[in-house]
Amino acid sequence: MNSYIACHDCDLLHRRQPLPPAGVATCSRCGTVLYRSRRNSLDRTLAMAVCGLILFIIANLSPFLTLKFEGQTQETNLVTGVMELYRQGMVPIALLVMATGIAFPLLELTGLIYMLLPLKFDRTPWGMAGVFRVIRALQPWGMTEVFLLGILVSIVKLAGMATVIPGAALYAFLALIFVVAATAASLDPDIVWDRVKITP
């Protein structure tokens, strides 16, 4: 680990050094935290990515909401809103919601499992550097929390007109938001980049 890192506050350049478990590197000039060692980062990130993928499957295969109005019952799922936007001619918005609320989180979780599962068994997956760059690029665009906020606003509006019954998918999607955030927070990028360097 002989790369350099610049302090985000004062721009002082530091040489990266290996840290002990739970260690923290700080700027020698201003004391800002530069990077920290995350204990069992690989195992925890892999476990949460698998958990997130299971929640994602439940959120997409189970009913999200059930609406009861004047004797009629209608079940919705995650892609129902996207399809309705598409039918109403709002294709760019439908594609944006589909990408940021469903596709990007799925790609991030499957990409992490693709990388971290072989690493756990001391193997290096094919194309790991490229996959990791894609994951890092997609992370800011995964907006499951914004997607859920929009759904909750719709629920509040519909509650006065119909009986709204939350489904298992709603709870799974809510848990997925926290799992995705925890997955990103627990991942130590140095573990991945160090393995890329030793790839023959």
Foldseek 3Di string as FASTA:
>chain_A
DFDWFADPPPRDIDTDDDDDAQAWDADPPPGHTGDTHFPPLLVLLLVLLVLLLVLLVCQAPKFFKWWAAPNDIDTHGLLPVLVVCVVVVVPVVSVLCCVQQRVLSNLLSVLSNQQSVLVVVVHGHPPNVVSVVSNVVSVVSNCNVVSLVVVVVVCVVCVVRTPMDGIPSNVSSVVSVVSSVVSVVSHDVVSSVVVVVPDD
